[in-house]
Protein backbone atom coordinates (compact mmCIF):
# COMPACT_ATOMS: atom_id res chain seq x y z
CA UNK A 1 23.83 -59.54 45.80
CA UNK A 2 27.30 -58.30 46.69
CA UNK A 3 27.24 -55.06 48.76
CA UNK A 4 29.49 -52.09 47.98
CA UNK A 5 31.95 -51.20 50.68
CA UNK A 6 32.74 -47.61 51.63
CA UNK A 7 35.73 -47.39 49.29
CA UNK A 8 33.55 -48.53 46.39
CA UNK A 9 30.97 -45.83 47.17
CA UNK A 10 33.68 -43.19 47.34
CA UNK A 11 35.04 -44.35 43.96
CA UNK A 12 31.54 -44.23 42.35
CA UNK A 13 30.86 -40.78 43.76
CA UNK A 14 34.13 -39.52 42.34
CA UNK A 15 33.36 -41.04 38.95
CA UNK A 16 29.98 -39.28 38.83
CA UNK A 17 31.55 -35.95 39.78
CA UNK A 18 34.19 -36.42 37.08
CA UNK A 19 31.54 -37.25 34.46
CA UNK A 20 29.52 -34.17 35.38
CA UNK A 21 32.60 -32.01 35.11
CA UNK A 22 33.35 -33.41 31.65
CA UNK A 23 29.74 -32.72 30.59
CA UNK A 24 29.89 -29.10 31.79
CA UNK A 25 33.29 -28.61 30.14
CA UNK A 26 31.98 -30.05 26.88
CA UNK A 27 28.95 -27.80 26.97
CA UNK A 28 31.11 -24.74 27.57
CA UNK A 29 33.48 -25.83 24.78
CA UNK A 30 30.60 -26.34 22.36
CA UNK A 31 29.15 -22.95 23.21
CA UNK A 32 32.43 -21.08 22.84
CA UNK A 33 33.33 -23.05 19.70
CA UNK A 34 30.01 -22.28 17.99
CA UNK A 35 28.65 -25.85 18.01
CA UNK A 36 26.01 -25.44 20.71
CA UNK A 37 22.39 -25.51 19.65
CA UNK A 38 20.75 -22.13 20.15
CA UNK A 39 17.17 -21.17 19.47
CA UNK A 40 16.77 -20.13 15.85
CA UNK A 41 15.89 -16.49 15.20
CA UNK A 42 12.38 -16.41 13.72
CA UNK A 43 11.97 -15.12 10.21
CA UNK A 44 10.76 -11.52 10.08
CA UNK A 45 7.01 -11.07 10.24
CA UNK A 46 6.27 -9.44 6.89
CA UNK A 47 3.39 -8.92 4.46
CA UNK A 48 2.88 -11.02 1.32
CA UNK A 49 6.12 -10.87 -0.73
CA UNK A 50 7.43 -8.14 1.54
CA UNK A 51 11.10 -7.73 2.44
CA UNK A 52 12.69 -7.37 5.85
CA UNK A 53 13.15 -3.60 6.27
CA UNK A 54 16.51 -1.86 6.51
CA UNK A 55 15.85 0.45 9.44
CA UNK A 56 19.05 2.40 8.76
CA UNK A 57 17.22 3.98 5.80
CA UNK A 58 15.37 6.10 8.37
CA UNK A 59 18.60 7.66 9.68
CA UNK A 60 18.36 10.70 7.34
CA UNK A 61 15.05 11.54 9.04
CA UNK A 62 16.59 11.99 12.48
CA UNK A 63 15.43 15.24 14.11
CA UNK A 64 13.28 16.26 11.11
CA UNK A 65 9.84 15.86 12.74
CA UNK A 66 8.61 17.05 16.13
CA UNK A 67 7.09 14.76 18.71
CA UNK A 68 3.76 16.59 18.45
CA UNK A 69 3.54 16.20 14.68
CA UNK A 70 4.63 12.56 14.71
CA UNK A 71 2.00 11.66 17.33
CA UNK A 72 -0.67 13.71 15.54
CA UNK A 73 -0.13 11.96 12.21
CA UNK A 74 0.10 8.54 13.82
CA UNK A 75 -3.13 8.95 15.77
CA UNK A 76 -5.15 11.10 13.37
CA UNK A 77 -4.58 9.19 10.13
CA UNK A 78 -2.27 6.19 10.23
CA UNK A 79 -3.26 4.02 13.21
CA UNK A 80 -6.84 2.79 13.20
CA UNK A 81 -6.89 3.09 17.00
CA UNK A 82 -4.29 4.37 19.52
CA UNK A 83 -3.78 0.96 21.11
CA UNK A 84 -2.98 -0.64 17.76
CA UNK A 85 0.67 0.48 17.89
CA UNK A 86 1.36 0.21 21.63
CA UNK A 87 3.34 -3.03 21.28
CA UNK A 88 5.57 -1.84 18.46
CA UNK A 89 5.96 1.96 18.74
CA UNK A 90 6.82 3.60 22.07
CA UNK A 91 6.55 7.39 22.23
CA UNK A 92 9.24 8.92 24.47
CA UNK A 93 9.66 12.63 25.28
CA UNK A 94 12.47 13.04 22.75
CA UNK A 95 12.19 10.02 20.46
CA UNK A 96 10.03 7.20 19.15
CA UNK A 97 11.22 3.66 19.78
CA UNK A 98 10.13 1.42 16.90
CA UNK A 99 10.41 -2.35 17.29
CA UNK A 100 12.53 -3.76 14.48
CA UNK A 101 11.05 -7.27 14.49
CA UNK A 102 7.69 -7.79 16.14
CA UNK A 103 8.13 -11.55 16.69
CA UNK A 104 11.69 -11.18 18.01
CA UNK A 105 12.06 -8.33 20.55
CA UNK A 106 15.76 -9.19 21.02
CA UNK A 107 16.37 -7.64 17.59
CA UNK A 108 16.02 -4.31 19.36
CA UNK A 109 14.39 -0.96 18.66
CA UNK A 110 15.08 1.72 16.10
CA UNK A 111 15.37 5.11 17.78
CA UNK A 112 13.87 7.98 15.79
CA UNK A 113 14.89 11.21 17.49
CA UNK A 114 12.39 14.04 17.37
CA UNK A 115 13.16 17.57 16.24
CA UNK A 116 13.90 20.00 19.03
CA UNK A 117 11.34 22.82 19.14
CA UNK A 118 14.18 25.35 19.26
CA UNK A 119 15.58 24.22 15.90
CA UNK A 120 14.50 25.39 12.46
CA UNK A 121 12.26 22.94 10.61
CA UNK A 122 14.33 20.54 8.52
CA UNK A 123 13.23 19.28 5.12
CA UNK A 124 13.05 15.47 5.12
CA UNK A 125 14.70 13.72 2.16
CA UNK A 126 12.29 12.75 -0.64
CA UNK A 127 12.16 12.66 -4.43
CA UNK A 128 8.75 14.36 -4.81
CA UNK A 129 8.07 18.08 -4.62
CA UNK A 130 5.32 20.03 -2.93
CA UNK A 131 3.77 22.88 -4.95
CA UNK A 132 5.82 25.49 -3.04
CA UNK A 133 8.98 23.69 -4.16
CA UNK A 134 7.97 24.00 -7.82
CA UNK A 135 8.59 27.03 -10.05
CA UNK A 136 5.88 29.68 -9.80
CA UNK A 137 3.10 29.46 -12.35
CA UNK A 138 2.85 32.53 -14.66
CA UNK A 139 -0.47 34.35 -14.53
CA UNK A 140 -3.08 33.06 -17.03
CA UNK A 141 -0.78 30.24 -18.08
CA UNK A 142 -2.31 27.82 -20.58
CA UNK A 143 -0.20 25.06 -19.03
CA UNK A 144 -1.02 25.05 -15.30
CA UNK A 145 0.63 21.63 -14.86
CA UNK A 146 3.92 22.61 -16.49
CA UNK A 147 6.91 20.87 -14.92
CA UNK A 148 4.86 18.52 -12.71
CA UNK A 149 5.88 14.88 -12.96
CA UNK A 150 2.82 12.60 -12.67
CA UNK A 151 2.73 8.81 -12.54
CA UNK A 152 -0.55 7.27 -13.68
CA UNK A 153 -1.13 3.74 -12.40
CA UNK A 154 -3.86 1.80 -14.28
CA UNK A 155 -5.12 -0.68 -11.70
CA UNK A 156 -5.05 -4.43 -12.37
CA UNK A 157 -4.08 -6.06 -15.71
CA UNK A 158 -5.83 -6.86 -18.98
CA UNK A 159 -5.63 -8.84 -22.21
CA UNK A 160 -5.03 -12.55 -21.73
CA UNK A 161 -4.18 -11.81 -18.09
CA UNK A 162 -7.58 -10.40 -17.21
CA UNK A 163 -8.84 -13.65 -15.68
CA UNK A 164 -5.86 -13.85 -13.34
CA UNK A 165 -6.95 -11.14 -10.91
CA UNK A 166 -10.74 -11.72 -10.78
CA UNK A 167 -11.70 -8.18 -11.83
CA UNK A 168 -13.86 -9.07 -14.81
CA UNK A 169 -17.41 -10.29 -15.40
CA UNK A 170 -20.15 -10.49 -18.00
CA UNK A 171 -23.92 -10.37 -17.67
CA UNK A 172 -25.83 -11.87 -20.58
CA UNK A 173 -24.65 -13.59 -23.71
CA UNK A 174 -24.58 -10.68 -26.19
CA UNK A 175 -22.69 -8.11 -24.13
CA UNK A 176 -19.10 -7.00 -23.75
CA UNK A 177 -17.17 -8.32 -20.78
CA UNK A 178 -16.34 -5.72 -18.13
CA UNK A 179 -12.57 -5.94 -17.59
CA UNK A 180 -11.29 -3.48 -15.01
CA UNK A 181 -7.63 -3.71 -16.04
CA UNK A 182 -8.49 -2.71 -19.61
CA UNK A 183 -10.88 0.03 -18.51
CA UNK A 184 -8.31 1.69 -16.26
CA UNK A 185 -5.77 1.62 -19.09
CA UNK A 186 -8.22 3.52 -21.33
CA UNK A 187 -8.59 6.22 -18.67
CA UNK A 188 -4.82 6.30 -18.16
CA UNK A 189 -4.15 6.94 -21.85
CA UNK A 190 -6.70 9.77 -21.95
CA UNK A 191 -5.01 11.30 -18.91
CA UNK A 192 -1.60 10.89 -20.51
CA UNK A 193 -2.79 12.85 -23.54
CA UNK A 194 -4.71 15.58 -21.70
CA UNK A 195 -2.29 16.19 -18.82
CA UNK A 196 0.63 16.37 -21.25
CA UNK A 197 -1.18 19.10 -23.20
CA UNK A 198 -1.48 20.99 -19.91
CA UNK A 199 2.29 20.84 -19.39
CA UNK A 200 2.71 17.81 -17.13
CA UNK A 201 5.25 15.04 -17.67
CA UNK A 202 3.16 11.88 -17.53
CA UNK A 203 4.45 8.31 -17.15
CA UNK A 204 2.25 5.21 -17.01
CA UNK A 205 3.37 2.46 -14.64
CA UNK A 206 1.64 -0.04 -16.96
CA UNK A 207 1.48 1.22 -20.55
CA UNK A 208 0.06 -2.04 -21.96
CA UNK A 209 -2.36 -4.79 -20.91
CA UNK A 210 0.57 -6.93 -19.76
CA UNK A 211 1.72 -7.21 -16.13
CA UNK A 212 4.82 -5.36 -14.97
CA UNK A 213 6.07 -8.22 -12.78
CA UNK A 214 8.09 -11.07 -14.27
CA UNK A 215 6.75 -13.51 -11.66
CA UNK A 216 3.93 -15.90 -12.48
CA UNK A 217 1.63 -18.10 -10.42
CA UNK A 218 3.78 -21.17 -11.07
CA UNK A 219 6.96 -19.40 -9.91
CA UNK A 220 5.36 -18.33 -6.62
CA UNK A 221 4.36 -21.75 -5.27
CA UNK A 222 7.20 -21.97 -2.73
CA UNK A 223 6.59 -18.37 -1.60
CA UNK A 224 2.92 -19.23 -1.05
CA UNK A 225 3.78 -22.28 1.05
CA UNK A 226 6.25 -20.32 3.20
CA UNK A 227 3.77 -17.50 3.69
CA UNK A 228 1.05 -19.88 4.87
CA UNK A 229 3.41 -21.73 7.22
CA UNK A 230 4.65 -18.47 8.71
CA UNK A 231 1.06 -17.68 9.65
CA UNK A 232 0.55 -21.19 11.01
CA UNK A 233 -1.93 -22.12 8.26
CA UNK A 234 -1.88 -25.64 6.84
CA UNK A 235 -0.79 -25.20 3.19
CA UNK A 236 -3.43 -27.26 1.38
CA UNK A 237 -3.30 -27.41 -2.41
CA UNK A 238 -6.29 -25.08 -2.70
CA UNK A 239 -4.80 -22.48 -0.35
CA UNK A 240 -1.43 -22.64 -2.08
CA UNK A 241 -3.08 -22.01 -5.45
CA UNK A 242 -5.21 -19.10 -4.23
CA UNK A 243 -2.32 -17.53 -2.30
CA UNK A 244 0.04 -17.80 -5.29
CA UNK A 245 -2.63 -16.18 -7.46
CA UNK A 246 -2.94 -13.24 -5.08
CA UNK A 247 0.82 -13.00 -4.85
CA UNK A 248 1.04 -12.66 -8.61
CA UNK A 249 -1.90 -10.39 -9.38
CA UNK A 250 -1.66 -8.16 -6.32
CA UNK A 251 1.54 -8.43 -4.32
CA UNK A 252 4.20 -9.00 -6.97
CA UNK A 253 2.49 -6.80 -9.57
CA UNK A 254 2.03 -3.80 -7.28
CA UNK A 255 5.47 -4.15 -5.68
CA UNK A 256 7.04 -4.25 -9.15
CA UNK A 257 5.23 -1.04 -10.04
CA UNK A 258 6.39 0.42 -6.73
CA UNK A 259 10.02 -0.36 -7.56
CA UNK A 260 9.59 1.27 -10.96
CA UNK A 261 7.93 4.33 -9.50
CA UNK A 262 10.31 4.82 -6.56
CA UNK A 263 13.57 4.02 -8.35
CA UNK A 264 12.99 5.32 -11.88
CA UNK A 265 9.89 7.48 -12.37
CA UNK A 266 10.12 9.38 -9.05
CA UNK A 267 7.01 11.52 -9.64
CA UNK A 268 5.59 14.41 -7.67
CA UNK A 269 2.32 12.50 -7.32
CA UNK A 270 0.74 9.22 -8.39
CA UNK A 271 -2.82 8.66 -9.60
CA UNK A 272 -4.05 5.11 -8.95
CA UNK A 273 -7.01 4.36 -11.21
CA UNK A 274 -9.67 1.80 -10.31
CA UNK A 275 -13.34 1.07 -10.87
CA UNK A 276 -15.43 -0.10 -7.93
CA UNK A 277 -17.93 -2.97 -7.67
CA UNK A 278 -20.58 -3.94 -5.14
CA UNK A 279 -20.02 -7.23 -3.31
CA UNK A 280 -21.64 -10.16 -5.11
CA UNK A 281 -23.92 -12.55 -3.25
CA UNK A 282 -23.20 -15.45 -5.57
CA UNK A 283 -20.67 -16.53 -8.19
CA UNK A 284 -23.17 -15.83 -10.96
CA UNK A 285 -22.76 -12.20 -12.10
CA UNK A 286 -25.82 -10.01 -11.62
CA UNK A 287 -26.62 -6.33 -11.35
CA UNK A 288 -26.49 -4.58 -7.99
CA UNK A 289 -28.13 -1.26 -7.16
CA UNK A 290 -25.35 0.73 -5.40
CA UNK A 291 -23.32 3.23 -7.45
CA UNK A 292 -20.99 5.67 -5.76
CA UNK A 293 -17.63 7.43 -5.61
CA UNK A 294 -14.78 7.82 -3.15
CA UNK A 295 -11.09 8.68 -3.10
CA UNK A 296 -8.48 7.18 -0.77
CA UNK A 297 -5.33 8.37 0.92
CA UNK A 298 -3.01 6.10 2.86
CA UNK A 299 -3.90 5.42 6.50
CA UNK A 300 -6.09 3.40 8.87
CA UNK A 301 -3.53 0.66 9.64
CA UNK A 302 -4.90 -2.15 11.77
CA UNK A 303 -3.03 -3.66 14.71
CA UNK A 304 -2.19 -6.72 12.61
CA UNK A 305 -0.84 -4.59 9.77
CA UNK A 306 1.32 -2.50 12.11
CA UNK A 307 2.71 -5.77 13.54
CA UNK A 308 4.16 -6.61 10.09
CA UNK A 309 7.74 -5.36 10.11
CA UNK A 310 7.81 -4.07 6.53
CA UNK A 311 4.36 -2.50 6.79
CA UNK A 312 5.36 -0.72 10.00
CA UNK A 313 8.53 0.57 8.31
CA UNK A 314 6.57 1.82 5.29
CA UNK A 315 4.03 3.54 7.55
CA UNK A 316 6.75 5.36 9.50
CA UNK A 317 8.44 6.37 6.24
CA UNK A 318 5.22 8.01 5.08
CA UNK A 319 4.82 9.77 8.42
CA UNK A 320 8.32 11.30 8.43
CA UNK A 321 7.97 12.34 4.78
CA UNK A 322 4.70 14.12 5.70
CA UNK A 323 2.94 12.70 2.65
CA UNK A 324 -0.43 13.04 4.38
CA UNK A 325 -0.87 16.78 3.86
CA UNK A 326 -0.31 16.73 0.10
CA UNK A 327 -2.42 13.59 -0.37
CA UNK A 328 -5.31 15.10 1.55
CA UNK A 329 -5.17 18.47 -0.20
CA UNK A 330 -5.03 16.88 -3.65
CA UNK A 331 -7.79 14.38 -2.88
CA UNK A 332 -10.02 17.02 -1.33
CA UNK A 333 -9.86 19.20 -4.46
CA UNK A 334 -10.08 16.42 -7.04
CA UNK A 335 -12.97 14.69 -5.27
CA UNK A 336 -15.19 17.72 -5.86
CA UNK A 337 -14.56 17.89 -9.60
CA UNK A 338 -14.90 14.10 -9.82
CA UNK A 339 -18.32 14.29 -8.21
CA UNK A 340 -19.37 17.14 -10.50
CA UNK A 341 -18.40 15.08 -13.58
CA UNK A 342 -19.71 11.69 -12.45
CA UNK A 343 -22.80 12.89 -10.51
CA UNK A 344 -22.22 10.05 -8.06
CA UNK A 345 -23.01 10.07 -4.32
CA UNK A 346 -20.32 9.44 -1.73
CA UNK A 347 -19.52 5.96 -0.45
CA UNK A 348 -19.17 5.54 3.32
CA UNK A 349 -17.00 3.05 5.19
CA UNK A 350 -18.26 1.40 8.37
CA UNK A 351 -15.11 2.27 10.33
CA UNK A 352 -13.32 -1.08 10.12
CA UNK A 353 -10.90 -0.75 7.18
CA UNK A 354 -11.43 2.91 6.29
CA UNK A 355 -11.78 6.10 8.34
CA UNK A 356 -12.63 9.75 7.78
CA UNK A 357 -9.83 12.31 8.15
CA UNK A 358 -11.74 15.52 7.41
CA UNK A 359 -15.30 16.71 6.76
CA UNK A 360 -15.29 15.64 3.10
CA UNK A 361 -17.31 12.44 2.87
CA UNK A 362 -15.74 11.63 -0.52
CA UNK A 363 -12.24 11.19 0.95
CA UNK A 364 -11.21 8.34 3.25
CA UNK A 365 -8.00 6.90 4.68
CA UNK A 366 -7.31 3.25 3.96
CA UNK A 367 -4.16 1.14 3.93
CA UNK A 368 -3.68 -0.42 0.50
CA UNK A 369 -0.48 -1.84 -0.93
CA UNK A 370 -0.22 0.70 -3.78
CA UNK A 371 -0.81 3.79 -1.68
CA UNK A 372 1.65 2.44 0.90
CA UNK A 373 4.64 1.38 -1.22
CA UNK A 374 4.49 4.29 -3.68
CA UNK A 375 6.67 6.73 -1.72
CA UNK A 376 5.04 9.93 -2.93
CA UNK A 377 1.59 11.51 -2.56
CA UNK A 378 -0.95 9.01 -3.92
CA UNK A 379 -4.55 9.71 -4.89
CA UNK A 380 -6.43 6.42 -5.17
CA UNK A 381 -9.70 6.52 -7.14
CA UNK A 382 -12.75 4.27 -6.70
CA UNK A 383 -15.58 5.68 -8.85
CA UNK A 384 -18.50 3.81 -10.47
CA UNK A 385 -19.76 0.36 -9.51
CA UNK A 386 -19.14 -1.85 -12.52
CA UNK A 387 -21.98 -4.23 -11.63
CA UNK A 388 -24.52 -1.42 -11.51
CA UNK A 389 -26.91 -1.69 -14.46
CA UNK A 390 -26.34 1.91 -15.65
CA UNK A 391 -22.54 1.65 -15.46
CA UNK A 392 -22.57 -1.73 -17.21
CA UNK A 393 -24.59 -0.13 -19.99
CA UNK A 394 -22.17 2.80 -20.27
CA UNK A 395 -19.28 0.37 -20.63
CA UNK A 396 -21.13 -1.25 -23.53
CA UNK A 397 -21.23 2.16 -25.27
CA UNK A 398 -17.43 2.24 -25.50
CA UNK A 399 -15.28 5.34 -26.20
CA UNK A 400 -17.63 7.38 -28.36
CA UNK A 401 -16.91 11.00 -29.29
CA UNK A 402 -18.91 13.92 -27.94
CA UNK A 403 -22.10 13.36 -25.94
CA UNK A 404 -24.82 10.71 -25.96
CA UNK A 405 -28.16 10.65 -24.27
CA UNK A 406 -28.10 8.13 -21.43
CA UNK A 407 -31.22 7.82 -19.28
CA UNK A 408 -32.33 11.27 -20.38
CA UNK A 409 -28.96 12.96 -19.70
CA UNK A 410 -26.31 13.81 -22.27
CA UNK A 411 -23.07 12.23 -21.08
CA UNK A 412 -19.47 11.89 -22.21
CA UNK A 413 -18.18 8.34 -22.57
CA UNK A 414 -17.38 6.95 -19.15
CA UNK A 415 -13.60 6.95 -19.68
CA UNK A 416 -13.43 10.60 -20.77
CA UNK A 417 -15.75 11.58 -17.92
CA UNK A 418 -13.48 9.82 -15.41
CA UNK A 419 -10.37 11.49 -16.83
CA UNK A 420 -11.98 14.94 -17.02
CA UNK A 421 -12.93 14.78 -13.35
CA UNK A 422 -9.30 14.19 -12.43
CA UNK A 423 -7.89 16.75 -14.87
CA UNK A 424 -10.19 19.54 -13.70
CA UNK A 425 -9.26 18.85 -10.07
CA UNK A 426 -5.53 18.93 -10.78
CA UNK A 427 -5.84 22.20 -12.71
CA UNK A 428 -7.89 23.81 -9.92
CA UNK A 429 -5.46 22.66 -7.26
CA UNK A 430 -2.24 23.76 -8.91
CA UNK A 431 -3.67 27.10 -10.04
CA UNK A 432 -4.43 27.81 -6.38
CA UNK A 433 -1.18 26.69 -4.78
CA UNK A 434 1.60 27.46 -7.30
């Protein structure tokens, strides 16, 4: 083997140095020219069919809420536990720092400046009105709801769509099927009639059995795959199908109603109508013994929910709009008339996905899509357990007029009873506060 002499070694060393210099120069050139590979910014961490939030929409709320009130609402109602927001919301003496993208801290923080205690209280921008912002109610008025704009949201969907959201069942061969989406629409139409007679302007988010969204399960396949991948779940065919079904019947449907409500209807309050059901132990429908009532306001966000960028934005929007007070006052009053009409005991949460916010055991805070994306006070109803034998029997009776004897008690039909409980509560509330 021929040995290198000293001049050869010097030449090789120079060649290596020259090559390294070219490599560094090329890397710098690629970086400054925009050709260098850089780590991709992760997609925003959002809820099903959510949108990356525009944090600038919170700018009008600068200096409209004090630090004390912001922290009180966050801890008392909205966060399930204080530590659940520590990674995404930092409370400073004069501002709250809110992480814009939980999986990409480099996106920065939105700074929400608190109101100075020396300043007069500012009114945050919103489309809904509190009772004190409404015209006074004349004494002994026969229309105590005059001028109030109310959105009534019949939960779920009906007709040929009823099998798409799994809120239907039938026990026995010669009985009527219990279809929640059709039952809520019956209550909604009674409310539309009765509340209008009392002076309210009433708009239904879903006036027919048909869905509001134009999406369908087959159009949401790609969205389902992307959602599963984002959460590091292998998108099997079964999971894709079930996720797309939920996206249609829950996410897309409720978000479409939210767009309609927030952009067009813009009510002073929204009434979300549902019927409850006890968890089934098998796929074969059967009667269950529990039967109860509760009302929900928005709150009790888990750590995982607060980590979702759009959910965190929506939660903060509700806090700075101070929706909590009106929701709680309305729910507190209506719950009492609902219980008087329905004669149902209160349902109690175990503290995981619902929490108490006052001493009324009929009212609970829970984070649901509808009471989160409807940007006004929302009263969310969960009376009657549809798979209770008595309630199933009352559904079979239909919308009869007057009273019928049921288990030794003369009762209105279940839909009128439901609506009357709400109507009486609204009348009591607005007579007191207007």
